[in-house]
PDB file of N, CA and C in Angstrom:
ATOM      1  N   MET A   1      45.015 106.271 118.512  1.00  0.00           N
ATOM      2  CA  MET A   1      43.781 106.109 117.760  1.00  0.00           C
ATOM      3  C   MET A   1      44.015 105.127 116.618  1.00  0.00           C
ATOM      4  N   ARG A   2      43.148 104.135 116.512  1.00  0.00           N
ATOM      5  CA  ARG A   2      43.294 103.080 115.519  1.00  0.00           C
ATOM      6  C   ARG A   2      42.546 103.455 114.244  1.00  0.00           C
ATOM      7  N   PRO A   3      43.150 103.214 113.068  1.00  0.00           N
ATOM      8  CA  PRO A   3      42.438 103.475 111.806  1.00  0.00           C
ATOM      9  C   PRO A   3      41.176 102.627 111.704  1.00  0.00           C
ATOM     10  N   GLN A   4      40.179 103.125 111.013  1.00  0.00           N
ATOM     11  CA  GLN A   4      38.895 102.443 110.902  1.00  0.00           C
ATOM     12  C   GLN A   4      38.950 101.193 110.044  1.00  0.00           C
ATOM     13  N   PHE A   5      39.903 101.088 109.140  1.00  0.00           N
ATOM     14  CA  PHE A   5      39.938  99.928 108.245  1.00  0.00           C
ATOM     15  C   PHE A   5      40.552  98.695 108.906  1.00  0.00           C
ATOM     16  N   LEU A   6      40.985  98.820 110.155  1.00  0.00           N
ATOM     17  CA  LEU A   6      41.541  97.670 110.856  1.00  0.00           C
ATOM     18  C   LEU A   6      40.478  97.028 111.735  1.00  0.00           C
ATOM     19  N   ASN A   7      40.490  95.709 111.765  1.00  0.00           N
ATOM     20  CA  ASN A   7      39.570  95.022 112.670  1.00  0.00           C
ATOM     21  C   ASN A   7      40.185  94.991 114.065  1.00  0.00           C
ATOM     22  N   PRO A   8      39.487  94.511 115.079  1.00  0.00           N
ATOM     23  CA  PRO A   8      40.021  94.547 116.447  1.00  0.00           C
ATOM     24  C   PRO A   8      41.357  93.844 116.643  1.00  0.00           C
ATOM     25  N   LYS A   9      41.680  92.868 115.822  1.00  0.00           N
ATOM     26  CA  LYS A   9      42.938  92.144 115.998  1.00  0.00           C
ATOM     27  C   LYS A   9      44.087  92.781 115.228  1.00  0.00           C
ATOM     28  N   GLY A  10      43.843  93.832 114.486  1.00  0.00           N
ATOM     29  CA  GLY A  10      44.895  94.549 113.803  1.00  0.00           C
ATOM     30  C   GLY A  10      45.200  94.083 112.395  1.00  0.00           C
ATOM     31  N   VAL A  11      44.366  93.218 111.835  1.00  0.00           N
ATOM     32  CA  VAL A  11      44.576  92.740 110.473  1.00  0.00           C
ATOM     33  C   VAL A  11      43.571  93.448 109.570  1.00  0.00           C
ATOM     34  N   SER A  12      44.066  94.052 108.509  1.00  0.00           N
ATOM     35  CA  SER A  12      43.169  94.800 107.640  1.00  0.00           C
ATOM     36  C   SER A  12      42.287  93.862 106.816  1.00  0.00           C
ATOM     37  N   LEU A  13      41.177  94.375 106.374  1.00  0.00           N
ATOM     38  CA  LEU A  13      40.248  93.606 105.556  1.00  0.00           C
ATOM     39  C   LEU A  13      40.918  93.171 104.255  1.00  0.00           C
ATOM     40  N   GLY A  14      41.723  94.038 103.682  1.00  0.00           N
ATOM     41  CA  GLY A  14      42.435  93.692 102.456  1.00  0.00           C
ATOM     42  C   GLY A  14      43.367  92.517 102.642  1.00  0.00           C
ATOM     43  N   THR A  15      44.064  92.482 103.758  1.00  0.00           N
ATOM     44  CA  THR A  15      44.968  91.370 104.052  1.00  0.00           C
ATOM     45  C   THR A  15      44.193  90.073 104.195  1.00  0.00           C
ATOM     46  N   MET A  16      43.050  90.140 104.870  1.00  0.00           N
ATOM     47  CA  MET A  16      42.231  88.941 105.037  1.00  0.00           C
ATOM     48  C   MET A  16      41.696  88.454 103.696  1.00  0.00           C
ATOM     49  N   LEU A  17      41.295  89.366 102.816  1.00  0.00           N
ATOM     50  CA  LEU A  17      40.788  88.975 101.501  1.00  0.00           C
ATOM     51  C   LEU A  17      41.880  88.352 100.638  1.00  0.00           C
ATOM     52  N   VAL A  18      43.080  88.899 100.693  1.00  0.00           N
ATOM     53  CA  VAL A  18      44.206  88.332  99.941  1.00  0.00           C
ATOM     54  C   VAL A  18      44.526  86.930 100.459  1.00  0.00           C
ATOM     55  N   PHE A  19      44.540  86.755 101.774  1.00  0.00           N
ATOM     56  CA  PHE A  19      44.809  85.452 102.364  1.00  0.00           C
ATOM     57  C   PHE A  19      43.742  84.440 101.952  1.00  0.00           C
ATOM     58  N   LEU A  20      42.482  84.838 101.978  1.00  0.00           N
ATOM     59  CA  LEU A  20      41.389  83.961 101.574  1.00  0.00           C
ATOM     60  C   LEU A  20      41.508  83.579 100.096  1.00  0.00           C
ATOM     61  N   ALA A  21      41.856  84.543  99.245  1.00  0.00           N
ATOM     62  CA  ALA A  21      42.018  84.267  97.822  1.00  0.00           C
ATOM     63  C   ALA A  21      43.158  83.279  97.582  1.00  0.00           C
ATOM     64  N   LEU A  22      44.246  83.425  98.335  1.00  0.00           N
ATOM     65  CA  LEU A  22      45.365  82.483  98.198  1.00  0.00           C
ATOM     66  C   LEU A  22      44.959  81.077  98.611  1.00  0.00           C
ATOM     67  N   ILE A  23      44.198  80.961  99.687  1.00  0.00           N
ATOM     68  CA  ILE A  23      43.740  79.640 100.123  1.00  0.00           C
ATOM     69  C   ILE A  23      42.844  79.012  99.070  1.00  0.00           C
ATOM     70  N   VAL A  24      41.922  79.802  98.514  1.00  0.00           N
ATOM     71  CA  VAL A  24      41.009  79.277  97.496  1.00  0.00           C
ATOM     72  C   VAL A  24      41.782  78.857  96.248  1.00  0.00           C
ATOM     73  N   PHE A  25      42.798  79.619  95.873  1.00  0.00           N
ATOM     74  CA  PHE A  25      43.573  79.299  94.678  1.00  0.00           C
ATOM     75  C   PHE A  25      44.501  78.109  94.895  1.00  0.00           C
ATOM     76  N   ILE A  26      45.137  78.057  96.053  1.00  0.00           N
ATOM     77  CA  ILE A  26      46.142  77.025  96.307  1.00  0.00           C
ATOM     78  C   ILE A  26      45.519  75.705  96.753  1.00  0.00           C
ATOM     79  N   GLY A  27      44.335  75.737  97.351  1.00  0.00           N
ATOM     80  CA  GLY A  27      43.692  74.540  97.877  1.00  0.00           C
ATOM     81  C   GLY A  27      43.593  73.388  96.892  1.00  0.00           C
ATOM     82  N   PRO A  28      43.031  73.607  95.692  1.00  0.00           N
ATOM     83  CA  PRO A  28      42.954  72.506  94.731  1.00  0.00           C
ATOM     84  C   PRO A  28      44.324  71.971  94.305  1.00  0.00           C
ATOM     85  N   PHE A  29      45.326  72.838  94.170  1.00  0.00           N
ATOM     86  CA  PHE A  29      46.668  72.359  93.825  1.00  0.00           C
ATOM     87  C   PHE A  29      47.249  71.498  94.941  1.00  0.00           C
ATOM     88  N   LEU A  30      46.986  71.878  96.191  1.00  0.00           N
ATOM     89  CA  LEU A  30      47.471  71.056  97.303  1.00  0.00           C
ATOM     90  C   LEU A  30      46.781  69.691  97.320  1.00  0.00           C
ATOM     91  N   SER A  31      45.517  69.657  96.942  1.00  0.00           N
ATOM     92  CA  SER A  31      44.808  68.378  96.880  1.00  0.00           C
ATOM     93  C   SER A  31      45.368  67.492  95.775  1.00  0.00           C
ATOM     94  N   ILE A  32      45.672  68.080  94.623  1.00  0.00           N
ATOM     95  CA  ILE A  32      46.263  67.311  93.523  1.00  0.00           C
ATOM     96  C   ILE A  32      47.631  66.785  93.945  1.00  0.00           C
ATOM     97  N   TRP A  33      48.422  67.642  94.614  1.00  0.00           N
ATOM     98  CA  TRP A  33      49.735  67.219  95.092  1.00  0.00           C
ATOM     99  C   TRP A  33      49.597  66.053  96.071  1.00  0.00           C
ATOM    100  N   ALA A  34      48.617  66.154  96.991  1.00  0.00           N
ATOM    101  CA  ALA A  34      48.433  65.095  97.982  1.00  0.00           C
ATOM    102  C   ALA A  34      48.037  63.778  97.317  1.00  0.00           C
ATOM    103  N   LEU A  35      47.130  63.838  96.346  1.00  0.00           N
ATOM    104  CA  LEU A  35      46.733  62.615  95.642  1.00  0.00           C
ATOM    105  C   LEU A  35      47.905  62.012  94.884  1.00  0.00           C
ATOM    106  N   ASN A  36      48.700  62.862  94.222  1.00  0.00           N
ATOM    107  CA  ASN A  36      49.869  62.359  93.496  1.00  0.00           C
ATOM    108  C   ASN A  36      50.901  61.753  94.440  1.00  0.00           C
ATOM    109  N   THR A  37      51.008  62.299  95.655  1.00  0.00           N
ATOM    110  CA  THR A  37      51.957  61.769  96.621  1.00  0.00           C
ATOM    111  C   THR A  37      51.487  60.432  97.184  1.00  0.00           C
ATOM    112  N   LEU A  38      50.196  60.354  97.524  1.00  0.00           N
ATOM    113  CA  LEU A  38      49.665  59.124  98.102  1.00  0.00           C
ATOM    114  C   LEU A  38      49.525  58.003  97.077  1.00  0.00           C
ATOM    115  N   PHE A  39      49.156  58.372  95.865  1.00  0.00           N
ATOM    116  CA  PHE A  39      48.940  57.383  94.807  1.00  0.00           C
ATOM    117  C   PHE A  39      49.783  57.777  93.588  1.00  0.00           C
ATOM    118  N   PRO A  40      51.066  57.406  93.570  1.00  0.00           N
ATOM    119  CA  PRO A  40      51.972  57.835  92.493  1.00  0.00           C
ATOM    120  C   PRO A  40      51.536  57.381  91.105  1.00  0.00           C
ATOM    121  N   SER A  41      50.737  56.344  91.026  1.00  0.00           N
ATOM    122  CA  SER A  41      50.324  55.868  89.703  1.00  0.00           C
ATOM    123  C   SER A  41      49.287  56.785  89.057  1.00  0.00           C
ATOM    124  N   LEU A  42      48.690  57.716  89.805  1.00  0.00           N
ATOM    125  CA  LEU A  42      47.696  58.631  89.230  1.00  0.00           C
ATOM    126  C   LEU A  42      48.326  59.605  88.234  1.00  0.00           C
ATOM    127  N   VAL A  43      49.463  60.174  88.585  1.00  0.00           N
ATOM    128  CA  VAL A  43      50.206  61.128  87.759  1.00  0.00           C
ATOM    129  C   VAL A  43      49.260  62.208  87.217  1.00  0.00           C
ATOM    130  N   ILE A  44      48.574  62.913  88.108  1.00  0.00           N
ATOM    131  CA  ILE A  44      47.655  63.982  87.715  1.00  0.00           C
ATOM    132  C   ILE A  44      48.483  65.216  87.367  1.00  0.00           C
ATOM    133  N   PRO A  45      48.308  65.768  86.173  1.00  0.00           N
ATOM    134  CA  PRO A  45      49.083  66.966  85.802  1.00  0.00           C
ATOM    135  C   PRO A  45      48.544  68.212  86.507  1.00  0.00           C
ATOM    136  N   TYR A  46      49.394  69.216  86.677  1.00  0.00           N
ATOM    137  CA  TYR A  46      48.991  70.492  87.265  1.00  0.00           C
ATOM    138  C   TYR A  46      48.590  71.438  86.141  1.00  0.00           C
ATOM    139  N   THR A  47      47.325  71.388  85.746  1.00  0.00           N
ATOM    140  CA  THR A  47      46.817  72.248  84.680  1.00  0.00           C
ATOM    141  C   THR A  47      45.574  72.973  85.175  1.00  0.00           C
ATOM    142  N   LEU A  48      45.128  73.929  84.407  1.00  0.00           N
ATOM    143  CA  LEU A  48      43.918  74.664  84.758  1.00  0.00           C
ATOM    144  C   LEU A  48      42.709  73.727  84.782  1.00  0.00           C
ATOM    145  N   GLU A  49      42.685  72.782  83.864  1.00  0.00           N
ATOM    146  CA  GLU A  49      41.567  71.838  83.796  1.00  0.00           C
ATOM    147  C   GLU A  49      41.496  70.967  85.055  1.00  0.00           C
ATOM    148  N   THR A  50      42.640  70.461  85.514  1.00  0.00           N
ATOM    149  CA  THR A  50      42.615  69.632  86.725  1.00  0.00           C
ATOM    150  C   THR A  50      42.356  70.489  87.963  1.00  0.00           C
ATOM    151  N   TRP A  51      42.801  71.755  87.950  1.00  0.00           N
ATOM    152  CA  TRP A  51      42.518  72.663  89.055  1.00  0.00           C
ATOM    153  C   TRP A  51      41.014  72.899  89.164  1.00  0.00           C
ATOM    154  N   LEU A  52      40.361  73.153  88.028  1.00  0.00           N
ATOM    155  CA  LEU A  52      38.911  73.369  88.030  1.00  0.00           C
ATOM    156  C   LEU A  52      38.166  72.119  88.487  1.00  0.00           C
ATOM    157  N   ALA A  53      38.608  70.960  88.034  1.00  0.00           N
ATOM    158  CA  ALA A  53      37.964  69.717  88.439  1.00  0.00           C
ATOM    159  C   ALA A  53      38.089  69.512  89.946  1.00  0.00           C
ATOM    160  N   MET A  54      39.262  69.788  90.499  1.00  0.00           N
ATOM    161  CA  MET A  54      39.435  69.626  91.940  1.00  0.00           C
ATOM    162  C   MET A  54      38.642  70.676  92.708  1.00  0.00           C
ATOM    163  N   ALA A  55      38.524  71.886  92.167  1.00  0.00           N
ATOM    164  CA  ALA A  55      37.710  72.913  92.812  1.00  0.00           C
ATOM    165  C   ALA A  55      36.245  72.478  92.869  1.00  0.00           C
ATOM    166  N   VAL A  56      35.760  71.849  91.808  1.00  0.00           N
ATOM    167  CA  VAL A  56      34.379  71.337  91.802  1.00  0.00           C
ATOM    168  C   VAL A  56      34.225  70.237  92.843  1.00  0.00           C
ATOM    169  N   ILE A  57      35.199  69.359  92.936  1.00  0.00           N
ATOM    170  CA  ILE A  57      35.142  68.295  93.942  1.00  0.00           C
ATOM    171  C   ILE A  57      35.124  68.894  95.347  1.00  0.00           C
ATOM    172  N   HIS A  58      35.937  69.932  95.567  1.00  0.00           N
ATOM    173  CA  HIS A  58      35.938  70.598  96.871  1.00  0.00           C
ATOM    174  C   HIS A  58      34.559  71.177  97.172  1.00  0.00           C
ATOM    175  N   LEU A  59      33.939  71.797  96.185  1.00  0.00           N
ATOM    176  CA  LEU A  59      32.612  72.371  96.392  1.00  0.00           C
ATOM    177  C   LEU A  59      31.587  71.295  96.711  1.00  0.00           C
ATOM    178  N   LEU A  60      31.683  70.163  96.035  1.00  0.00           N
ATOM    179  CA  LEU A  60      30.741  69.078  96.286  1.00  0.00           C
ATOM    180  C   LEU A  60      30.925  68.480  97.672  1.00  0.00           C
ATOM    181  N   ILE A  61      32.161  68.319  98.085  1.00  0.00           N
ATOM    182  CA  ILE A  61      32.439  67.729  99.392  1.00  0.00           C
ATOM    183  C   ILE A  61      32.055  68.699 100.509  1.00  0.00           C
ATOM    184  N   ASN A  62      32.298  69.972 100.303  1.00  0.00           N
ATOM    185  CA  ASN A  62      32.052  70.958 101.357  1.00  0.00           C
ATOM    186  C   ASN A  62      30.623  71.469 101.398  1.00  0.00           C
ATOM    187  N   SER A  63      29.808  71.104 100.434  1.00  0.00           N
ATOM    188  CA  SER A  63      28.427  71.592 100.446  1.00  0.00           C
ATOM    189  C   SER A  63      27.677  70.946 101.599  1.00  0.00           C
ATOM    190  N   LYS A  64      26.804  71.718 102.201  1.00  0.00           N
ATOM    191  CA  LYS A  64      26.050  71.231 103.350  1.00  0.00           C
ATOM    192  C   LYS A  64      24.609  70.953 102.895  1.00  0.00           C
ATOM    193  N   VAL A  65      24.203  69.730 103.031  1.00  0.00           N
ATOM    194  CA  VAL A  65      22.854  69.337 102.645  1.00  0.00           C
ATOM    195  C   VAL A  65      22.008  69.237 103.905  1.00  0.00           C
ATOM    196  N   SER A  66      20.881  69.895 103.882  1.00  0.00           N
ATOM    197  CA  SER A  66      19.990  69.869 105.041  1.00  0.00           C
ATOM    198  C   SER A  66      18.649  69.272 104.625  1.00  0.00           C
ATOM    199  N   ASN A  67      18.071  68.456 105.474  1.00  0.00           N
ATOM    200  CA  ASN A  67      16.791  67.872 105.164  1.00  0.00           C
ATOM    201  C   ASN A  67      15.677  68.463 106.023  1.00  0.00           C
ATOM    202  N   LYS A  68      15.849  69.702 106.406  1.00  0.00           N
ATOM    203  CA  LYS A  68      14.828  70.380 107.207  1.00  0.00           C
ATOM    204  C   LYS A  68      13.727  70.927 106.338  1.00  0.00           C
TER     205      LYS A  68
END
C-alpha cells in the first residue's frame, strides 16, 4: 500500500517543491555566471541586487503575451 502523499512516480510533493525552489533560486545566479563566462568584460557581481535584476529579466523573457 502506497502512502497518500506520494504521487504515482514515487516523488513526494515536498521533494518537488524543494526542487522547484532550488531551480527558482539558482536560475538567476546561473544566468549571471553564463553572462560573465561569455562576456568577461561585464564582471557582474553575485549580489542580491543583481540576482533580483536577473530574476526580473527572467520574468520578462518568460512571460507569455497573447493578442487574443
